[in-house]
Protein backbone atom coordinates (compact mmCIF):
# COMPACT_ATOMS: atom_id res chain seq x y z
CA MET A 1 0.00 0.00 0.00
CA PRO A 2 1.37 3.46 -0.85
CA LYS A 3 2.67 5.64 1.97
CA VAL A 4 2.35 9.36 2.58
CA THR A 5 4.55 11.26 5.01
CA TYR A 6 2.66 14.13 6.66
CA ILE A 7 4.94 16.66 8.34
CA GLU A 8 3.52 18.98 10.97
CA HIS A 9 4.69 22.60 11.10
CA ASN A 10 6.92 21.66 14.06
CA GLY A 11 8.69 18.92 12.06
CA THR A 12 6.87 15.91 13.53
CA GLU A 13 6.45 13.27 10.83
CA HIS A 14 3.59 10.81 10.40
CA ALA A 15 4.19 8.04 7.83
CA VAL A 16 0.82 6.55 6.93
CA GLU A 17 -0.32 3.90 4.47
CA VAL A 18 -3.15 5.28 2.34
CA PRO A 19 -5.13 2.90 0.12
CA VAL A 20 -5.19 3.62 -3.61
CA GLY A 21 -8.31 5.58 -4.48
CA LEU A 22 -8.59 7.43 -1.17
CA SER A 23 -7.62 11.06 -0.83
CA VAL A 24 -4.52 12.25 0.99
CA MET A 25 -6.95 14.04 3.34
CA ARG A 26 -8.83 10.82 4.13
CA GLY A 27 -5.53 9.10 4.93
CA ALA A 28 -4.73 11.83 7.46
CA VAL A 29 -8.18 11.89 9.04
CA ASP A 30 -8.42 8.10 9.30
CA ASN A 31 -5.04 8.02 11.04
CA ASN A 32 -5.57 11.01 13.36
CA VAL A 33 -2.81 13.10 11.81
CA PRO A 34 -2.94 16.55 13.47
CA GLY A 35 -3.25 19.58 11.22
CA ILE A 36 -5.78 18.17 8.75
CA ASP A 37 -9.22 19.15 10.04
CA ALA A 38 -11.23 18.47 6.87
CA ASP A 39 -14.25 20.42 8.13
CA CYS A 40 -16.18 19.88 4.87
CA GLY A 41 -15.45 16.15 4.76
CA GLY A 42 -13.52 16.31 1.51
CA GLU A 43 -16.00 18.20 -0.63
CA CYS A 44 -13.55 20.93 -1.70
CA ALA A 45 -15.68 23.45 0.18
CA CYS A 46 -13.16 24.74 2.73
CA ALA A 47 -9.39 24.98 3.10
CA THR A 48 -8.89 23.09 6.38
CA CYS A 49 -7.00 20.26 4.67
CA HIS A 50 -4.46 22.64 3.10
CA VAL A 51 -1.00 21.15 2.60
CA PHE A 52 2.26 22.11 0.95
CA VAL A 53 3.31 19.41 -1.51
CA ASP A 54 7.03 18.64 -1.39
CA PRO A 55 8.61 20.08 -4.55
CA ALA A 56 9.74 16.64 -5.73
CA TRP A 57 6.07 15.56 -5.87
CA GLU A 58 4.36 18.62 -7.34
CA ALA A 59 4.23 17.37 -10.93
CA ARG A 60 2.85 13.97 -9.89
CA THR A 61 0.02 15.43 -7.82
CA GLY A 62 -1.29 17.54 -10.69
CA THR A 63 -2.61 21.07 -10.68
CA PRO A 64 -5.55 22.46 -8.72
CA SER A 65 -8.92 22.63 -10.43
CA GLU A 66 -10.67 25.99 -10.65
CA GLN A 67 -12.78 25.13 -7.59
CA GLU A 68 -9.73 24.03 -5.59
CA ALA A 69 -7.83 27.19 -6.57
CA SER A 70 -10.79 29.24 -5.38
CA MET A 71 -10.83 27.46 -2.00
CA LEU A 72 -7.06 27.84 -1.66
CA SER A 73 -7.51 31.60 -1.93
CA PHE A 74 -8.99 31.40 1.59
CA ALA A 75 -5.88 29.68 3.00
CA ALA A 76 -3.90 32.04 5.22
CA THR A 77 -0.49 30.84 4.02
CA LYS A 78 -1.02 29.84 0.39
CA GLN A 79 2.15 29.10 -1.58
CA ASP A 80 2.87 27.93 -5.12
CA ASN A 81 2.94 24.31 -3.89
CA SER A 82 -0.32 24.58 -1.92
CA ARG A 83 -2.99 21.95 -2.48
CA LEU A 84 -6.12 20.77 -0.72
CA SER A 85 -5.32 17.25 0.38
CA CYS A 86 -8.92 16.20 -0.30
CA GLN A 87 -8.22 16.77 -4.00
CA ILE A 88 -5.15 14.55 -4.22
CA GLU A 89 -6.21 10.97 -4.93
CA MET A 90 -3.75 8.29 -3.90
CA THR A 91 -2.26 6.15 -6.63
CA ALA A 92 0.60 3.67 -6.60
CA ALA A 93 2.70 6.36 -8.33
CA LEU A 94 2.34 8.57 -5.24
CA ASP A 95 4.00 6.03 -2.92
CA GLY A 96 6.39 8.10 -0.80
CA LEU A 97 4.51 11.41 -1.20
CA VAL A 98 5.57 14.08 1.30
CA VAL A 99 3.24 16.89 2.37
CA ARG A 100 3.68 19.56 5.02
CA MET A 101 0.94 21.22 7.04
CA PRO A 102 0.97 24.98 7.55
CA GLU A 103 1.43 26.34 11.06
CA ALA A 104 -2.00 27.97 10.82
CA GLN A 105 -3.56 24.47 10.94
CA HIS A 106 -2.20 23.06 14.17
């Protein structure tokens, strides 16, 4: 099963197996990873699952849709590598993905 490493703003790492087909957000929520609140339940209707995708993985996670980009505009610390983790679907090709949570979400 593919793994994702979630890194809290303080550097604490959480390596979690996330089944193919689930979102990176669901992997965090199901494994109680702090910093991913997912208030909307993964409907791309908030920005409480905001993550920074490690630069080595940006191309493989794709680009935000128009709706995701709109939601990201509400994120306090948006960067070029910002994504909503609910919009990143796990695939075998994402095994080893690294995402960081912003300090604003701790």
